[in-house]
Amino acid sequence: MRKKIVEFIPVMVSFAVLVACVVYFSFDKTDTTAVVKNTSDTETKSTVSKNEKSETVSKTVSEKDEEMRGIWIPYMSLDLSDTDRSEEQFRKKIDGIIQNCIKYKANTLIVQARPFGDSIYPSEYFPWSHIISGIQGKSVDYDPLNYIITQAHKNNLAVHVWVNPLRISTAKTPSPLSEDNPYMIWKNDKNTENDDYTFECDGGIYYNPAYAEVRKLIIDGVCEIVRNYDIDGVQFDDYFYPSEDTDYDKYSYEQYVNSLDKNSTPLSQQEWRTANINTLISGVYAAVHNIKNNVVFGTSPQGNIENDLKICADVYSWCSISGYVDYICPQIYVSNEHPVLPFNDTAKRWKNLVKNNKVRLYLGLGVYKAGTDADNGTWLLNDDNIKQQIEYSRNLKTDGFMLYSYEYLIADETQNEVQNAMAILE
């Protein structure tokens, strides 16, 4: 019988409201007593000190109260596989991206700096990304993220660092994983207590947010970026629990259930997963603001709210209760005439979802579908879908938009849509 110490967060969650008091249990198989702890005294404090405030260097888009005009720069856009992978080639690529983003009237870049539990910067916690060096774990003798931030700020562009919090690999990408990848370390060591810190699902490997140690690793990784770089924001994308399947974290859930006393009613597995994600999100929010209060933290969930709830992204709580996010940017990647999820109706639903006036609402727009037969061909009915969506978002009095993604802004098939949209941007 393996000994395991597991910390869980049995917060009574509905999909509409998270109760105000959040507690979690610490359980050791050798001790049948469940210990209740207040979250304000645990993970956040272990990550940052209240005295580690940094001076404000530059104002974010939110602080300047201007319309958000963001462009997502995914890891694919940073790939150097078609070059000699030199610093010169990386700088050339970034300079081109920045100039094009200025051309397309952006004011913010959302740069994917941690796509697969790795990093495009020197990290104490995560291995170097294969996107930069070609092989995960192989270092380079320059700092790619620092160059992006420096050049963006020189051109009056804000930078939000985009982090995928749970994904380690999908469909064997990246491969191989480096020996200093936390997953490989836990897999190869003799410590059985960390065997369930990750799980596998549908060919992918993910961090298991049920464990305090895993959440701390993710939060520490975010704190490292906030401390070391002059960034304007941090963004988590839409990848949380990978599916509704109940098997891949069954053991962790059983440990939680067994940790409760006989008079307690356990959360359902779905509620328990949602509580784990909420604890992670609130922990990141607190940690970011404890280091640099001018840095914002946001999430970009799927545009389909029902899908978000299935993967335990509690967008109702995030949009209504303080202490989770500074902004939310749902990915409403649908046409205006989508047969099931039309853009205007979906955008209005998100607008009504944001009950907390301190949470900014940006709309994620799917430029990658422009000029294609996506959504049953409805994108081809007009050549100004994106323009109409920007205008509608303004009529809704949202706080701006983000465009997915950079590569599609410069693609031939999207140019009619892109140019029509540019016509309404000053």
Protein backbone atom coordinates (compact mmCIF):
# COMPACT_ATOMS: atom_id res chain seq x y z
CA MET A 1 0.00 0.00 0.00
CA ARG A 2 1.54 3.26 -1.05
CA LYS A 3 1.48 6.17 1.32
CA LYS A 4 0.15 9.39 -0.12
CA ILE A 5 -0.44 12.85 1.26
CA VAL A 6 -3.11 14.66 -0.71
CA GLU A 7 -4.52 18.12 -0.22
CA PHE A 8 -7.98 18.73 -1.58
CA ILE A 9 -10.36 21.63 -1.78
CA PRO A 10 -13.89 20.47 -1.06
CA VAL A 11 -15.58 23.78 -1.77
CA MET A 12 -19.32 23.52 -2.21
CA VAL A 13 -19.60 24.71 -5.78
CA SER A 14 -22.55 25.03 -8.06
CA PHE A 15 -22.05 26.05 -11.63
CA ALA A 16 -23.67 29.39 -10.88
CA VAL A 17 -22.16 30.41 -7.57
CA LEU A 18 -19.13 29.54 -5.45
CA VAL A 19 -19.78 29.87 -1.75
CA ALA A 20 -17.82 32.57 0.00
CA CYS A 21 -15.99 30.33 2.43
CA VAL A 22 -13.39 28.14 0.73
CA VAL A 23 -11.74 25.39 2.71
CA TYR A 24 -9.67 22.38 1.85
CA PHE A 25 -8.75 19.20 3.61
CA SER A 26 -5.31 17.75 4.19
CA PHE A 27 -5.40 13.98 4.49
CA ASP A 28 -2.71 11.41 5.24
CA LYS A 29 -3.56 7.71 5.08
CA THR A 30 -1.71 7.26 8.35
CA ASP A 31 -3.94 9.83 10.03
CA THR A 32 -7.73 9.51 9.87
CA THR A 33 -8.25 13.11 10.95
CA ALA A 34 -9.17 15.64 8.27
CA VAL A 35 -7.53 18.97 8.95
CA VAL A 36 -9.39 22.06 7.81
CA LYS A 37 -7.24 24.96 6.65
CA ASN A 38 -8.10 28.45 5.47
CA THR A 39 -6.80 29.04 1.94
CA SER A 40 -5.66 32.54 2.81
CA ASP A 41 -2.93 31.01 4.97
CA THR A 42 -1.64 28.39 2.58
CA GLU A 43 -0.78 28.30 -1.09
CA THR A 44 -0.63 32.00 -1.81
CA LYS A 45 1.62 32.73 1.14
CA SER A 46 3.93 29.87 0.23
CA THR A 47 4.47 31.43 -3.17
CA VAL A 48 4.98 35.14 -2.50
CA SER A 49 5.75 37.52 0.29
CA LYS A 50 3.61 40.57 0.95
CA ASN A 51 6.75 42.67 0.92
CA GLU A 52 7.70 41.68 -2.65
CA LYS A 53 5.81 44.54 -4.28
CA SER A 54 7.36 45.98 -7.42
CA GLU A 55 7.10 49.51 -8.65
CA THR A 56 4.73 50.23 -11.49
CA VAL A 57 6.73 50.61 -14.69
CA SER A 58 4.06 51.02 -17.34
CA LYS A 59 0.29 51.18 -17.38
CA THR A 60 -1.72 48.34 -18.83
CA VAL A 61 -4.47 48.79 -21.39
CA SER A 62 -6.97 48.31 -18.57
CA GLU A 63 -5.47 51.09 -16.47
CA LYS A 64 -5.36 53.49 -19.42
CA ASP A 65 -9.04 52.72 -20.09
CA GLU A 66 -8.58 52.35 -23.83
CA GLU A 67 -10.18 49.71 -25.99
CA MET A 68 -8.34 46.39 -25.84
CA ARG A 69 -7.08 45.44 -29.30
CA GLY A 70 -5.17 42.24 -28.67
CA ILE A 71 -3.58 39.75 -31.03
CA TRP A 72 -2.78 36.23 -29.90
CA ILE A 73 0.74 35.08 -30.80
CA PRO A 74 0.59 31.26 -30.44
CA TYR A 75 3.67 29.11 -30.08
CA MET A 76 3.37 28.10 -33.74
CA SER A 77 4.11 31.70 -34.74
CA LEU A 78 7.34 31.58 -32.72
CA ASP A 79 8.54 28.30 -34.23
CA LEU A 80 12.07 28.47 -35.60
CA SER A 81 12.14 25.10 -37.38
CA ASP A 82 12.48 26.76 -40.79
CA THR A 83 15.60 28.69 -39.67
CA ASP A 84 19.02 27.97 -38.18
CA ARG A 85 17.46 28.71 -34.74
CA SER A 86 19.88 31.55 -34.10
CA GLU A 87 19.19 34.56 -31.94
CA GLU A 88 19.40 36.69 -35.07
CA GLN A 89 16.63 34.69 -36.73
CA PHE A 90 14.45 34.88 -33.63
CA ARG A 91 14.87 38.64 -33.43
CA LYS A 92 14.06 38.95 -37.12
CA LYS A 93 10.87 36.94 -36.63
CA ILE A 94 9.75 38.98 -33.61
CA ASP A 95 10.52 42.30 -35.28
CA GLY A 96 8.34 41.27 -38.21
CA ILE A 97 5.49 40.19 -35.93
CA ILE A 98 5.58 43.46 -34.02
CA GLN A 99 5.58 45.60 -37.14
CA ASN A 100 2.64 43.67 -38.56
CA CYS A 101 0.70 43.97 -35.30
CA ILE A 102 1.24 47.74 -35.38
CA LYS A 103 0.02 47.73 -38.99
CA TYR A 104 -3.13 45.96 -37.85
CA LYS A 105 -3.67 48.56 -35.12
CA ALA A 106 -3.14 46.34 -32.10
CA ASN A 107 -2.20 47.65 -28.67
CA THR A 108 -1.57 44.31 -26.91
CA LEU A 109 0.24 41.07 -27.75
CA ILE A 110 -0.81 37.86 -26.02
CA VAL A 111 2.32 35.73 -26.34
CA GLN A 112 2.29 31.99 -25.63
CA ALA A 113 5.29 31.58 -23.37
CA ARG A 114 4.34 28.26 -21.70
CA PRO A 115 2.59 26.03 -24.26
CA PHE A 116 3.44 22.54 -22.93
CA GLY A 117 4.61 22.81 -19.33
CA ASP A 118 7.78 24.32 -20.78
CA SER A 119 9.03 27.85 -21.34
CA ILE A 120 10.46 30.23 -23.92
CA TYR A 121 12.57 31.82 -21.17
CA PRO A 122 15.06 30.53 -18.58
CA SER A 123 12.94 28.98 -15.83
CA GLU A 124 13.63 27.52 -12.42
CA TYR A 125 10.59 25.27 -12.75
CA PHE A 126 10.06 24.28 -16.38
CA PRO A 127 12.31 23.07 -19.21
CA TRP A 128 13.17 25.10 -22.29
CA SER A 129 10.58 24.78 -25.03
CA HIS A 130 11.33 22.81 -28.17
CA ILE A 131 9.82 25.74 -30.08
CA ILE A 132 13.01 27.73 -29.47
CA SER A 133 15.83 25.19 -29.47
CA GLY A 134 14.26 22.30 -31.37
CA ILE A 135 14.49 19.89 -28.42
CA GLN A 136 12.71 20.32 -25.10
CA GLY A 137 15.21 21.06 -22.34
CA LYS A 138 17.94 22.36 -24.64
CA SER A 139 18.85 25.89 -23.62
CA VAL A 140 19.76 28.88 -25.75
CA ASP A 141 22.16 31.67 -24.78
CA TYR A 142 19.61 34.48 -25.01
CA ASP A 143 16.23 35.27 -23.46
CA PRO A 144 13.47 35.16 -26.10
CA LEU A 145 10.73 36.44 -23.80
CA ASN A 146 12.77 39.41 -22.69
CA TYR A 147 13.39 40.40 -26.30
CA ILE A 148 9.67 40.18 -27.11
CA ILE A 149 8.72 42.36 -24.15
CA THR A 150 11.47 44.93 -24.73
CA GLN A 151 10.66 45.37 -28.41
CA ALA A 152 6.92 45.43 -27.84
CA HIS A 153 7.18 48.14 -25.20
CA LYS A 154 9.48 50.18 -27.44
CA ASN A 155 6.61 50.17 -29.91
CA ASN A 156 3.94 51.01 -27.32
CA LEU A 157 2.49 47.52 -27.27
CA ALA A 158 1.49 45.83 -24.00
CA VAL A 159 2.39 42.17 -23.46
CA HIS A 160 0.26 39.54 -21.76
CA VAL A 161 2.09 36.26 -21.20
CA TRP A 162 -0.11 33.36 -22.28
CA VAL A 163 0.21 30.22 -20.15
CA ASN A 164 -1.36 26.82 -20.62
CA PRO A 165 -1.55 25.76 -16.97
CA LEU A 166 -2.19 21.99 -17.15
CA ARG A 167 -1.05 20.68 -20.53
CA ILE A 168 2.27 18.80 -20.67
CA SER A 169 1.85 17.12 -24.05
CA THR A 170 -0.81 16.20 -26.59
CA ALA A 171 -0.53 13.57 -29.32
CA LYS A 172 3.14 13.08 -28.39
CA THR A 173 3.90 16.77 -28.91
CA PRO A 174 6.46 17.70 -27.78
CA SER A 175 8.54 14.57 -28.03
CA PRO A 176 10.71 13.62 -26.36
CA LEU A 177 10.02 15.24 -23.00
CA SER A 178 13.21 16.39 -21.31
CA GLU A 179 14.59 14.71 -18.21
CA ASP A 180 14.18 17.95 -16.24
CA ASN A 181 10.48 18.14 -17.07
CA PRO A 182 8.59 17.80 -13.74
CA TYR A 183 6.53 14.98 -15.25
CA MET A 184 9.67 13.01 -16.06
CA ILE A 185 11.19 13.72 -12.66
CA TRP A 186 8.09 12.45 -10.85
CA LYS A 187 7.81 9.47 -13.18
CA ASN A 188 11.41 8.36 -12.69
CA ASP A 189 11.99 9.02 -9.00
CA LYS A 190 11.32 6.55 -6.19
CA ASN A 191 8.82 8.80 -4.41
CA THR A 192 5.37 7.22 -4.77
CA GLU A 193 3.69 10.25 -3.23
CA ASN A 194 3.95 12.18 -6.51
CA ASP A 195 2.77 9.38 -8.80
CA ASP A 196 -0.61 11.00 -9.29
CA TYR A 197 0.56 14.58 -9.74
CA THR A 198 -0.14 14.09 -13.45
CA PHE A 199 -2.66 12.07 -15.41
CA GLU A 200 -3.11 10.88 -18.98
CA CYS A 201 -6.25 11.39 -21.05
CA ASP A 202 -6.92 10.80 -24.77
CA GLY A 203 -3.24 10.64 -25.63
CA GLY A 204 -2.34 13.74 -23.64
CA ILE A 205 -0.48 14.28 -20.36
CA TYR A 206 -1.71 16.90 -17.88
CA TYR A 207 -0.92 18.27 -14.45
CA ASN A 208 -3.42 17.17 -11.81
CA PRO A 209 -4.71 20.30 -10.03
CA ALA A 210 -6.17 18.25 -7.17
CA TYR A 211 -2.80 18.41 -5.43
CA ALA A 212 -1.56 21.47 -3.55
CA GLU A 213 1.99 20.69 -4.68
CA VAL A 214 0.93 20.82 -8.32
CA ARG A 215 -1.02 24.04 -7.91
CA LYS A 216 1.98 25.55 -6.16
CA LEU A 217 4.23 24.57 -9.06
CA ILE A 218 1.90 26.28 -11.52
CA ILE A 219 1.56 29.38 -9.34
CA ASP A 220 5.31 29.55 -8.73
CA GLY A 221 5.83 29.41 -12.49
CA VAL A 222 3.54 32.39 -12.98
CA CYS A 223 5.20 34.29 -10.14
CA GLU A 224 8.59 33.72 -11.73
CA ILE A 225 7.41 35.48 -14.89
CA VAL A 226 5.77 38.35 -13.01
CA ARG A 227 8.88 38.94 -10.86
CA ASN A 228 11.44 38.67 -13.62
CA TYR A 229 9.78 40.43 -16.53
CA ASP A 230 8.14 43.79 -17.15
CA ILE A 231 4.90 42.26 -18.39
CA ASP A 232 1.45 43.82 -18.41
CA GLY A 233 -0.65 40.71 -17.90
CA VAL A 234 -0.90 36.95 -17.56
CA GLN A 235 -3.52 34.90 -19.38
CA PHE A 236 -4.65 31.29 -18.95
CA ASP A 237 -6.28 29.79 -22.02
CA ASP A 238 -9.24 27.42 -22.30
CA TYR A 239 -7.52 24.13 -21.43
CA PHE A 240 -8.59 22.95 -17.98
CA TYR A 241 -9.76 19.38 -17.31
CA PRO A 242 -9.45 17.64 -20.69
CA SER A 243 -12.75 15.74 -20.62
CA GLU A 244 -15.71 14.65 -18.53
CA ASP A 245 -14.33 11.10 -18.31
CA THR A 246 -14.28 10.06 -14.64
CA ASP A 247 -11.46 7.51 -14.81
CA TYR A 248 -8.24 9.50 -15.31
CA ASP A 249 -8.27 11.10 -11.83
CA LYS A 250 -10.41 8.47 -10.11
CA TYR A 251 -7.78 7.64 -7.49
CA SER A 252 -7.37 11.29 -6.48
CA TYR A 253 -11.12 11.74 -6.14
CA GLU A 254 -11.41 8.60 -4.02
CA GLN A 255 -8.69 9.93 -1.73
CA TYR A 256 -10.70 13.12 -1.28
CA VAL A 257 -13.90 11.19 -0.49
CA ASN A 258 -12.09 8.95 1.97
CA SER A 259 -10.63 11.97 3.73
CA LEU A 260 -14.05 13.20 4.85
CA ASP A 261 -15.63 12.26 8.14
CA LYS A 262 -18.71 10.06 8.06
CA ASN A 263 -21.08 13.01 8.62
CA SER A 264 -19.82 14.93 5.60
CA THR A 265 -21.35 14.79 2.16
CA PRO A 266 -18.69 14.71 -0.55
CA LEU A 267 -18.82 16.87 -3.61
CA SER A 268 -19.54 15.14 -6.85
CA GLN A 269 -16.46 14.50 -8.96
CA GLN A 270 -17.47 17.36 -11.25
CA GLU A 271 -17.92 19.76 -8.33
CA TRP A 272 -14.63 18.63 -6.82
CA ARG A 273 -12.78 19.23 -10.08
CA THR A 274 -14.36 22.66 -10.37
CA ALA A 275 -13.24 23.48 -6.84
CA ASN A 276 -9.68 22.45 -7.73
CA ILE A 277 -9.63 24.79 -10.73
CA ASN A 278 -11.17 27.64 -8.75
CA THR A 279 -8.51 27.30 -6.08
CA LEU A 280 -5.80 27.41 -8.74
CA ILE A 281 -7.32 30.48 -10.43
CA SER A 282 -7.79 32.40 -7.18
CA GLY A 283 -4.27 31.43 -6.10
CA VAL A 284 -2.76 32.80 -9.30
CA TYR A 285 -4.79 36.01 -9.00
CA ALA A 286 -3.65 36.63 -5.42
CA ALA A 287 -0.02 35.79 -6.19
CA VAL A 288 0.16 38.06 -9.25
CA HIS A 289 -1.29 41.04 -7.41
CA ASN A 290 0.87 40.45 -4.37
CA ILE A 291 3.97 40.87 -6.52
CA LYS A 292 2.93 43.58 -8.96
CA ASN A 293 -0.50 45.08 -8.54
CA ASN A 294 -0.35 46.71 -11.98
CA VAL A 295 -0.13 43.32 -13.73
CA VAL A 296 -3.54 41.92 -14.67
CA PHE A 297 -4.60 38.27 -14.69
CA GLY A 298 -7.25 36.96 -17.06
CA THR A 299 -8.62 33.80 -18.58
CA SER A 300 -9.77 33.04 -22.10
CA PRO A 301 -12.35 30.25 -21.86
CA GLN A 302 -14.36 28.72 -24.66
CA GLY A 303 -17.20 30.82 -26.04
CA ASN A 304 -19.68 28.02 -25.37
CA ILE A 305 -20.51 28.39 -21.68
CA GLU A 306 -21.89 24.87 -21.38
CA ASN A 307 -18.59 23.47 -22.67
CA ASP A 308 -16.70 25.55 -20.11
CA LEU A 309 -18.71 24.07 -17.27
CA LYS A 310 -18.06 20.55 -18.56
CA ILE A 311 -14.29 21.06 -18.30
CA CYS A 312 -14.73 22.71 -14.88
CA ALA A 313 -14.10 26.32 -15.89
CA ASP A 314 -16.47 28.04 -13.45
CA VAL A 315 -17.03 31.15 -15.53
CA TYR A 316 -20.08 32.13 -13.50
CA SER A 317 -17.96 32.58 -10.38
CA TRP A 318 -15.06 34.16 -12.25
CA CYS A 319 -17.37 36.80 -13.72
CA SER A 320 -19.26 37.58 -10.52
CA ILE A 321 -16.97 37.12 -7.51
CA SER A 322 -13.88 39.22 -6.82
CA GLY A 323 -10.55 37.49 -6.43
CA TYR A 324 -10.49 35.31 -9.52
CA VAL A 325 -9.71 37.40 -12.60
CA ASP A 326 -9.22 40.96 -13.76
CA TYR A 327 -10.61 40.14 -17.17
CA ILE A 328 -12.25 37.39 -19.12
CA CYS A 329 -12.02 36.90 -22.86
CA PRO A 330 -14.37 34.19 -24.15
CA GLN A 331 -13.33 32.72 -27.48
CA ILE A 332 -16.46 33.41 -29.51
CA TYR A 333 -15.08 31.93 -32.69
CA VAL A 334 -18.37 31.73 -34.58
CA SER A 335 -20.00 33.58 -37.47
CA ASN A 336 -22.85 36.00 -37.11
CA GLU A 337 -25.16 33.40 -38.72
CA HIS A 338 -23.89 30.32 -36.89
CA PRO A 339 -26.84 27.87 -36.86
CA VAL A 340 -26.48 26.92 -33.18
CA LEU A 341 -24.33 29.57 -31.48
CA PRO A 342 -24.74 32.87 -33.37
CA PHE A 343 -22.20 35.50 -32.41
CA ASN A 344 -24.52 38.26 -31.25
CA ASP A 345 -26.57 36.03 -28.96
CA THR A 346 -23.42 34.47 -27.49
CA ALA A 347 -21.73 37.84 -26.93
CA LYS A 348 -24.84 39.21 -25.21
CA ARG A 349 -24.97 36.19 -22.96
CA TRP A 350 -21.37 36.79 -21.88
CA LYS A 351 -22.07 40.46 -21.30
CA ASN A 352 -24.93 39.51 -18.98
CA LEU A 353 -22.72 36.96 -17.24
CA VAL A 354 -20.24 39.58 -16.01
CA LYS A 355 -21.84 40.77 -12.76
CA ASN A 356 -18.65 42.10 -11.17
CA ASN A 357 -17.92 45.60 -12.47
CA LYS A 358 -14.23 45.11 -11.71
CA VAL A 359 -13.97 42.30 -14.27
CA ARG A 360 -13.32 43.49 -17.80
CA LEU A 361 -14.93 41.69 -20.72
CA TYR A 362 -13.01 41.26 -23.94
CA LEU A 363 -14.37 39.21 -26.82
CA GLY A 364 -12.14 36.70 -28.60
CA LEU A 365 -12.76 36.83 -32.37
CA GLY A 366 -11.89 33.98 -34.74
CA VAL A 367 -10.05 35.57 -37.64
CA TYR A 368 -8.80 32.09 -38.58
CA LYS A 369 -12.28 31.20 -39.88
CA ALA A 370 -12.62 34.28 -42.10
CA GLY A 371 -12.87 33.47 -45.79
CA THR A 372 -13.41 29.74 -45.11
CA ASP A 373 -16.43 27.46 -45.24
CA ALA A 374 -16.38 26.96 -41.45
CA ASP A 375 -19.62 26.90 -39.46
CA ASN A 376 -21.63 25.35 -42.29
CA GLY A 377 -20.36 27.92 -44.76
CA THR A 378 -21.83 30.88 -42.87
CA TRP A 379 -18.53 32.80 -42.86
CA LEU A 380 -18.82 33.06 -46.64
CA LEU A 381 -22.18 34.84 -46.49
CA ASN A 382 -20.41 38.13 -45.69
CA ASP A 383 -16.89 39.51 -45.98
CA ASP A 384 -17.23 41.74 -42.92
CA ASN A 385 -18.02 39.30 -40.12
CA ILE A 386 -15.13 40.52 -37.96
CA LYS A 387 -16.04 44.16 -38.60
CA GLN A 388 -19.62 43.50 -37.56
CA GLN A 389 -18.45 41.66 -34.46
CA ILE A 390 -16.22 44.54 -33.39
CA GLU A 391 -19.08 46.98 -33.92
CA TYR A 392 -21.46 44.77 -31.95
CA SER A 393 -18.97 44.41 -29.10
CA ARG A 394 -18.77 48.20 -28.95
CA ASN A 395 -22.54 48.48 -28.90
CA LEU A 396 -22.58 46.04 -25.99
CA LYS A 397 -20.06 48.28 -24.23
CA THR A 398 -17.49 45.56 -23.77
CA ASP A 399 -13.90 46.56 -23.07
CA GLY A 400 -12.42 45.44 -26.38
CA PHE A 401 -11.43 42.35 -28.32
CA MET A 402 -8.61 39.91 -29.03
CA LEU A 403 -7.98 38.37 -32.45
CA TYR A 404 -7.00 34.75 -33.04
CA SER A 405 -4.47 34.69 -34.38
CA TYR A 406 -1.46 36.50 -35.79
CA GLU A 407 -0.80 34.10 -38.68
CA TYR A 408 -4.35 34.53 -39.97
CA LEU A 409 -4.14 38.31 -39.99
CA ILE A 410 -1.52 38.02 -42.70
CA ALA A 411 -3.03 35.05 -44.58
CA ASP A 412 -4.33 35.58 -48.12
CA GLU A 413 -7.79 34.08 -47.53
CA THR A 414 -8.60 36.47 -44.66
CA GLN A 415 -7.58 39.75 -46.27
CA ASN A 416 -11.05 40.98 -47.28
CA GLU A 417 -12.29 40.44 -43.74
CA VAL A 418 -9.19 41.92 -42.16
CA GLN A 419 -9.17 45.05 -44.31
CA ASN A 420 -12.88 45.65 -43.68
CA ALA A 421 -12.23 45.40 -39.96
CA MET A 422 -9.24 47.74 -40.13
CA ALA A 423 -11.44 50.40 -41.69
CA ILE A 424 -13.24 50.96 -38.36
CA LEU A 425 -10.09 51.02 -36.23
CA GLU A 426 -8.38 54.36 -35.77
